[in-house]
Every structure is written in C-alpha cells, then in structure tokens.
Amino acid sequence: MSEPNQPPVLLYHKVDPRLEAGFTRVSPAAFRAHLDFLARRGVRARSLSDLFD
C-alpha cells in the first residue's frame, strides 16, 4: 500500500506470453485484466512529469 498522499506505483518486470507467471511476471491477458480492473474503479495512469509539476 502507498503512504497517505503518495501515489501507488505498479511494477511489472515482464509481460510476456512465453513466461510462466510469477511475482513480477504476468501474461498479456493478466496484465490487461489488471488494467481493466483499475479502470473500472476509476484509477487513471499518470506520468512522472504530471506528479512532479
């Protein structure tokens, strides 16, 4: 979890259909499902420059 007033950061080391899923690796389908889940809850991506402006 992020600290109060700090944006959460998602990190994926690999998104690849050829790799077995793991803690830092997901398939493209799982990655899409994660993004869809967040979008349905109103979460929007921000660039680093947006955060520091």
PDB file of N, CA and C in Angstrom:
ATOM      1  N   MET A   1       0.841  -1.181   0.000  1.00  0.00           N
ATOM      2  CA  MET A   1       0.000   0.000   0.000  1.00  0.00           C
ATOM      3  C   MET A   1       0.883   1.241   0.000  1.00  0.00           C
ATOM      4  N   SER A   2       0.331   2.288  -0.572  1.00  0.00           N
ATOM      5  CA  SER A   2       1.084   3.540  -0.593  1.00  0.00           C
ATOM      6  C   SER A   2       0.822   4.321   0.688  1.00  0.00           C
ATOM      7  N   GLU A   3       1.734   5.188   1.006  1.00  0.00           N
ATOM      8  CA  GLU A   3       1.581   6.075   2.155  1.00  0.00           C
ATOM      9  C   GLU A   3       0.537   7.134   1.818  1.00  0.00           C
ATOM     10  N   PRO A   4      -0.093   7.739   2.826  1.00  0.00           N
ATOM     11  CA  PRO A   4      -1.043   8.815   2.545  1.00  0.00           C
ATOM     12  C   PRO A   4      -0.390   9.905   1.696  1.00  0.00           C
ATOM     13  N   ASN A   5      -1.134  10.411   0.734  1.00  0.00           N
ATOM     14  CA  ASN A   5      -0.682  11.467  -0.178  1.00  0.00           C
ATOM     15  C   ASN A   5       0.466  11.047  -1.086  1.00  0.00           C
ATOM     16  N   GLN A   6       0.721   9.763  -1.183  1.00  0.00           N
ATOM     17  CA  GLN A   6       1.735   9.261  -2.102  1.00  0.00           C
ATOM     18  C   GLN A   6       1.040   8.376  -3.136  1.00  0.00           C
ATOM     19  N   PRO A   7       1.363   8.560  -4.409  1.00  0.00           N
ATOM     20  CA  PRO A   7       0.698   7.741  -5.435  1.00  0.00           C
ATOM     21  C   PRO A   7       1.194   6.301  -5.385  1.00  0.00           C
ATOM     22  N   PRO A   8       0.302   5.351  -5.622  1.00  0.00           N
ATOM     23  CA  PRO A   8       0.756   3.965  -5.717  1.00  0.00           C
ATOM     24  C   PRO A   8       1.533   3.774  -7.020  1.00  0.00           C
ATOM     25  N   VAL A   9       2.464   2.870  -7.005  1.00  0.00           N
ATOM     26  CA  VAL A   9       3.261   2.573  -8.194  1.00  0.00           C
ATOM     27  C   VAL A   9       3.127   1.089  -8.486  1.00  0.00           C
ATOM     28  N   LEU A  10       2.748   0.776  -9.714  1.00  0.00           N
ATOM     29  CA  LEU A  10       2.684  -0.617 -10.146  1.00  0.00           C
ATOM     30  C   LEU A  10       3.953  -0.938 -10.911  1.00  0.00           C
ATOM     31  N   LEU A  11       4.487  -2.121 -10.693  1.00  0.00           N
ATOM     32  CA  LEU A  11       5.723  -2.506 -11.364  1.00  0.00           C
ATOM     33  C   LEU A  11       5.592  -3.933 -11.876  1.00  0.00           C
ATOM     34  N   TYR A  12       5.788  -4.080 -13.148  1.00  0.00           N
ATOM     35  CA  TYR A  12       5.819  -5.397 -13.783  1.00  0.00           C
ATOM     36  C   TYR A  12       7.187  -5.530 -14.446  1.00  0.00           C
ATOM     37  N   HIS A  13       7.914  -6.565 -14.121  1.00  0.00           N
ATOM     38  CA  HIS A  13       9.218  -6.768 -14.742  1.00  0.00           C
ATOM     39  C   HIS A  13       9.071  -7.321 -16.150  1.00  0.00           C
ATOM     40  N   LYS A  14       8.101  -8.189 -16.340  1.00  0.00           N
ATOM     41  CA  LYS A  14       7.887  -8.783 -17.661  1.00  0.00           C
ATOM     42  C   LYS A  14       6.400  -9.005 -17.893  1.00  0.00           C
ATOM     43  N   VAL A  15       5.949  -8.648 -19.093  1.00  0.00           N
ATOM     44  CA  VAL A  15       4.624  -9.018 -19.588  1.00  0.00           C
ATOM     45  C   VAL A  15       4.911  -9.808 -20.854  1.00  0.00           C
ATOM     46  N   ASP A  16       4.757 -11.124 -20.766  1.00  0.00           N
ATOM     47  CA  ASP A  16       5.201 -11.979 -21.867  1.00  0.00           C
ATOM     48  C   ASP A  16       4.407 -13.277 -21.853  1.00  0.00           C
ATOM     49  N   PRO A  17       3.810 -13.652 -22.983  1.00  0.00           N
ATOM     50  CA  PRO A  17       3.027 -14.889 -23.010  1.00  0.00           C
ATOM     51  C   PRO A  17       3.890 -16.146 -22.911  1.00  0.00           C
ATOM     52  N   ARG A  18       5.173 -16.023 -23.135  1.00  0.00           N
ATOM     53  CA  ARG A  18       6.054 -17.196 -23.124  1.00  0.00           C
ATOM     54  C   ARG A  18       6.577 -17.544 -21.740  1.00  0.00           C
ATOM     55  N   LEU A  19       6.389 -16.665 -20.785  1.00  0.00           N
ATOM     56  CA  LEU A  19       6.930 -16.892 -19.445  1.00  0.00           C
ATOM     57  C   LEU A  19       5.863 -17.411 -18.498  1.00  0.00           C
ATOM     58  N   GLU A  20       6.286 -18.241 -17.579  1.00  0.00           N
ATOM     59  CA  GLU A  20       5.383 -18.689 -16.527  1.00  0.00           C
ATOM     60  C   GLU A  20       5.137 -17.519 -15.576  1.00  0.00           C
ATOM     61  N   ALA A  21       3.888 -17.357 -15.169  1.00  0.00           N
ATOM     62  CA  ALA A  21       3.539 -16.253 -14.266  1.00  0.00           C
ATOM     63  C   ALA A  21       4.304 -16.390 -12.956  1.00  0.00           C
ATOM     64  N   GLY A  22       4.640 -15.273 -12.384  1.00  0.00           N
ATOM     65  CA  GLY A  22       5.340 -15.238 -11.111  1.00  0.00           C
ATOM     66  C   GLY A  22       5.057 -13.926 -10.418  1.00  0.00           C
ATOM     67  N   PHE A  23       5.796 -13.644  -9.365  1.00  0.00           N
ATOM     68  CA  PHE A  23       5.569 -12.434  -8.568  1.00  0.00           C
ATOM     69  C   PHE A  23       5.749 -11.168  -9.392  1.00  0.00           C
ATOM     70  N   THR A  24       6.697 -11.150 -10.316  1.00  0.00           N
ATOM     71  CA  THR A  24       6.964  -9.948 -11.118  1.00  0.00           C
ATOM     72  C   THR A  24       6.726 -10.170 -12.608  1.00  0.00           C
ATOM     73  N   ARG A  25       6.107 -11.281 -12.968  1.00  0.00           N
ATOM     74  CA  ARG A  25       5.843 -11.586 -14.373  1.00  0.00           C
ATOM     75  C   ARG A  25       4.375 -11.945 -14.545  1.00  0.00           C
ATOM     76  N   VAL A  26       3.782 -11.442 -15.634  1.00  0.00           N
ATOM     77  CA  VAL A  26       2.394 -11.781 -15.939  1.00  0.00           C
ATOM     78  C   VAL A  26       2.246 -11.979 -17.440  1.00  0.00           C
ATOM     79  N   SER A  27       1.189 -12.670 -17.806  1.00  0.00           N
ATOM     80  CA  SER A  27       0.852 -12.819 -19.219  1.00  0.00           C
ATOM     81  C   SER A  27       0.188 -11.532 -19.702  1.00  0.00           C
ATOM     82  N   PRO A  28       0.160 -11.305 -21.011  1.00  0.00           N
ATOM     83  CA  PRO A  28      -0.557 -10.133 -21.523  1.00  0.00           C
ATOM     84  C   PRO A  28      -2.033 -10.123 -21.108  1.00  0.00           C
ATOM     85  N   ALA A  29      -2.664 -11.289 -21.073  1.00  0.00           N
ATOM     86  CA  ALA A  29      -4.075 -11.356 -20.667  1.00  0.00           C
ATOM     87  C   ALA A  29      -4.248 -10.935 -19.209  1.00  0.00           C
ATOM     88  N   ALA A  30      -3.355 -11.370 -18.343  1.00  0.00           N
ATOM     89  CA  ALA A  30      -3.440 -10.984 -16.929  1.00  0.00           C
ATOM     90  C   ALA A  30      -3.169  -9.496 -16.761  1.00  0.00           C
ATOM     91  N   PHE A  31      -2.206  -8.968 -17.518  1.00  0.00           N
ATOM     92  CA  PHE A  31      -1.903  -7.539 -17.458  1.00  0.00           C
ATOM     93  C   PHE A  31      -3.125  -6.729 -17.879  1.00  0.00           C
ATOM     94  N   ARG A  32      -3.771  -7.131 -18.977  1.00  0.00           N
ATOM     95  CA  ARG A  32      -4.979  -6.456 -19.449  1.00  0.00           C
ATOM     96  C   ARG A  32      -6.065  -6.534 -18.377  1.00  0.00           C
ATOM     97  N   ALA A  33      -6.222  -7.681 -17.740  1.00  0.00           N
ATOM     98  CA  ALA A  33      -7.225  -7.831 -16.680  1.00  0.00           C
ATOM     99  C   ALA A  33      -6.924  -6.888 -15.515  1.00  0.00           C
ATOM    100  N   HIS A  34      -5.665  -6.744 -15.157  1.00  0.00           N
ATOM    101  CA  HIS A  34      -5.283  -5.821 -14.079  1.00  0.00           C
ATOM    102  C   HIS A  34      -5.647  -4.385 -14.454  1.00  0.00           C
ATOM    103  N   LEU A  35      -5.310  -3.979 -15.693  1.00  0.00           N
ATOM    104  CA  LEU A  35      -5.623  -2.619 -16.143  1.00  0.00           C
ATOM    105  C   LEU A  35      -7.128  -2.383 -16.212  1.00  0.00           C
ATOM    106  N   ASP A  36      -7.875  -3.370 -16.692  1.00  0.00           N
ATOM    107  CA  ASP A  36      -9.337  -3.248 -16.751  1.00  0.00           C
ATOM    108  C   ASP A  36      -9.928  -3.100 -15.351  1.00  0.00           C
ATOM    109  N   PHE A  37      -9.434  -3.883 -14.410  1.00  0.00           N
ATOM    110  CA  PHE A  37      -9.890  -3.808 -13.019  1.00  0.00           C
ATOM    111  C   PHE A  37      -9.695  -2.392 -12.472  1.00  0.00           C
ATOM    112  N   LEU A  38      -8.509  -1.847 -12.677  1.00  0.00           N
ATOM    113  CA  LEU A  38      -8.216  -0.496 -12.188  1.00  0.00           C
ATOM    114  C   LEU A  38      -9.077   0.550 -12.894  1.00  0.00           C
ATOM    115  N   ALA A  39      -9.250   0.422 -14.195  1.00  0.00           N
ATOM    116  CA  ALA A  39     -10.054   1.385 -14.956  1.00  0.00           C
ATOM    117  C   ALA A  39     -11.506   1.377 -14.488  1.00  0.00           C
ATOM    118  N   ARG A  40     -12.049   0.201 -14.208  1.00  0.00           N
ATOM    119  CA  ARG A  40     -13.445   0.114 -13.724  1.00  0.00           C
ATOM    120  C   ARG A  40     -13.611   0.822 -12.386  1.00  0.00           C
ATOM    121  N   ARG A  41     -12.553   0.959 -11.648  1.00  0.00           N
ATOM    122  CA  ARG A  41     -12.605   1.633 -10.346  1.00  0.00           C
ATOM    123  C   ARG A  41     -12.162   3.093 -10.423  1.00  0.00           C
ATOM    124  N   GLY A  42     -11.997   3.582 -11.643  1.00  0.00           N
ATOM    125  CA  GLY A  42     -11.686   4.991 -11.826  1.00  0.00           C
ATOM    126  C   GLY A  42     -10.224   5.360 -11.684  1.00  0.00           C
ATOM    127  N   VAL A  43      -9.351   4.377 -11.588  1.00  0.00           N
ATOM    128  CA  VAL A  43      -7.918   4.656 -11.474  1.00  0.00           C
ATOM    129  C   VAL A  43      -7.402   5.055 -12.851  1.00  0.00           C
ATOM    130  N   ARG A  44      -6.647   6.118 -12.907  1.00  0.00           N
ATOM    131  CA  ARG A  44      -6.084   6.604 -14.165  1.00  0.00           C
ATOM    132  C   ARG A  44      -4.569   6.704 -14.041  1.00  0.00           C
ATOM    133  N   ALA A  45      -3.896   6.362 -15.120  1.00  0.00           N
ATOM    134  CA  ALA A  45      -2.432   6.438 -15.140  1.00  0.00           C
ATOM    135  C   ALA A  45      -1.990   7.891 -15.185  1.00  0.00           C
ATOM    136  N   ARG A  46      -0.886   8.156 -14.556  1.00  0.00           N
ATOM    137  CA  ARG A  46      -0.278   9.495 -14.560  1.00  0.00           C
ATOM    138  C   ARG A  46       1.183   9.335 -14.930  1.00  0.00           C
ATOM    139  N   SER A  47       1.710  10.296 -15.634  1.00  0.00           N
ATOM    140  CA  SER A  47       3.137  10.261 -15.959  1.00  0.00           C
ATOM    141  C   SER A  47       3.930  10.806 -14.771  1.00  0.00           C
ATOM    142  N   LEU A  48       5.203  10.497 -14.735  1.00  0.00           N
ATOM    143  CA  LEU A  48       6.044  11.037 -13.666  1.00  0.00           C
ATOM    144  C   LEU A  48       6.090  12.553 -13.727  1.00  0.00           C
ATOM    145  N   SER A  49       6.115  13.119 -14.931  1.00  0.00           N
ATOM    146  CA  SER A  49       6.146  14.583 -15.028  1.00  0.00           C
ATOM    147  C   SER A  49       4.864  15.198 -14.468  1.00  0.00           C
ATOM    148  N   ASP A  50       3.707  14.528 -14.630  1.00  0.00           N
ATOM    149  CA  ASP A  50       2.459  15.015 -14.024  1.00  0.00           C
ATOM    150  C   ASP A  50       2.577  15.077 -12.505  1.00  0.00           C
ATOM    151  N   LEU A  51       3.225  14.094 -11.932  1.00  0.00           N
ATOM    152  CA  LEU A  51       3.323  14.017 -10.477  1.00  0.00           C
ATOM    153  C   LEU A  51       4.238  15.080  -9.890  1.00  0.00           C
ATOM    154  N   PHE A  52       5.203  15.535 -10.670  1.00  0.00           N
ATOM    155  CA  PHE A  52       6.176  16.492 -10.152  1.00  0.00           C
ATOM    156  C   PHE A  52       5.938  17.920 -10.603  1.00  0.00           C
ATOM    157  N   ASP A  53       4.903  18.147 -11.399  1.00  0.00           N
ATOM    158  CA  ASP A  53       4.561  19.521 -11.824  1.00  0.00           C
ATOM    159  C   ASP A  53       3.771  20.240 -10.763  1.00  0.00           C
TER     160      ASP A  53
END
